[in-house]
């Protein structure tokens, strides 16, 4: 539109300049003729041909004729200008409405909101966040029998290859990322032939060192000097969609199962259960494994339907996963993982808000070609067991009051990451899935810039049978209280307290209490 406005101004200016030039020429000519006539009359009076009275009468008549002529010429000039403008206006409107001129390729403008710019038909935007917390965790003093595989407390061994755990109960302090690592994301989007097209890249580094420690060749990590946090390139995907068709996504992004659970968890902006605070991993747990199973970033081909009166669905095929703690070799992938999602947002007016959702997940866990009945606990090549899960939840809000309620059930899901610890042994020593379930509820109140929230949640992993060769987790639970204050539209100060309890199938327990103080900044 900028180029069109310049063009309109140039043409209109040319029309008006031409009209003023004609008017000036006419006025000049009229003035010159009047002055010559008055000179002649003055000469005749001087020579006595005209008396002074006759001279004044003729002079008055010439002046009146000059004024009348000037007024007539002004009226004619105004009519000519109006006619010229009327003739050129349709052409100017046609030029202004040409699609090719709406977004010139060399035109760069800023976004209406956020960080980014428009250039031609393309939009480029940058978003992200940075956070950091001081976390102090004080565990109880367990005996060796309190070591719990899959426990979430700092004095219980967690069934997570990415989380450092401790079997001793000294107090620990750390400076670390919260449930979210840092994030910088880039989105490039456009519209072509009625289709919305976009690509997205998300980089998520933590602030603490990675856990890899190889001193001899200087690849240090953990709480050693000269370490590095590394780069966690969690997201890269492309989307193709239309408002009334839906959106196709191909690449790596969040899964459906458990997605709403973590996105509505208040500890997403805080720390929650710290886990392994002696030598912190990339992130804290929040409520992961303490109320829901982590949704994870996964390779996928998925489709999301358009919203119809608040109702929306999605379905996708995902990369199949292995259980790293399975007692048998279930590492073949003859088919992908399947996930689906249904959400409903009630079209309410005013301050009342209601959203409900449900998701499902299922995958076949298959024995590899080297497996035999003899050495793999009754699971031979080509045989499989099936993992499945469903979750469900609701979020309501009214005048600053909020409530999130969530639950899940499944078999083979595990209790922390997808499939982590989901497979055990039955009474005959054959592979079988463990049942799992969990829930959390979260009341909150927001007053101006202040947020007050409390949540309680629990994750339960049943024993497959008394023949399980480890002392697996029975339950993780936690109480969490959070205060958050929005200093600016970007920056939030956060204070949290959490009490976490882990229990093994044999009855052993471990607890820990933690505080987290820090900030999280979104841009």
Foldseek 3Di string as FASTA:
>chain_A
DVVLVVVVVVVLVVLVVVLVVVLVVVLVVLVVVLVVVLVVLVVCCVVVVDPPVRSVVVNVVSVVVSVVVNVVSVVVSVVSSVVVCVVCVVVSVVVVPDPCPPAPQDDWAADPDAGWIDGRQKTKHKWWKAKKKKKKKFWDAFDPVLAAECELAQLHHRLDPQFDHHVGGHIFIDIWAAQFATKMKMKMWGADPQKTKMKMWMKGFMPAFAPDDDPVVQAHTFPDPSGDRDIDGQDIWMWIGHQQFWIKIFTKAFADACPVVLVPQPSVFPHARAYRRNGGGRYGQRCFLAFGAGRGIWGKIKTKGHADQQKIKMKIWTADDDAPPAQFAQDDAPDTKIKMKIKGWHPDDDQKTKIKMKMKIKGWRAHDQVADCVPGQHHHHPDTAMKMKMKIWMWIDDQFKIKIKIKMKIWCQDRGYGNHVQWFAAPSRHIGGWIKMKIKMKIWGDDVFKIKIKMKMKIATHDRYPPGPDQHWGMKIKIKIKMWGPPDPFKIWIKMKMKMKTATPVGNIIIMIMIMTIMMGID
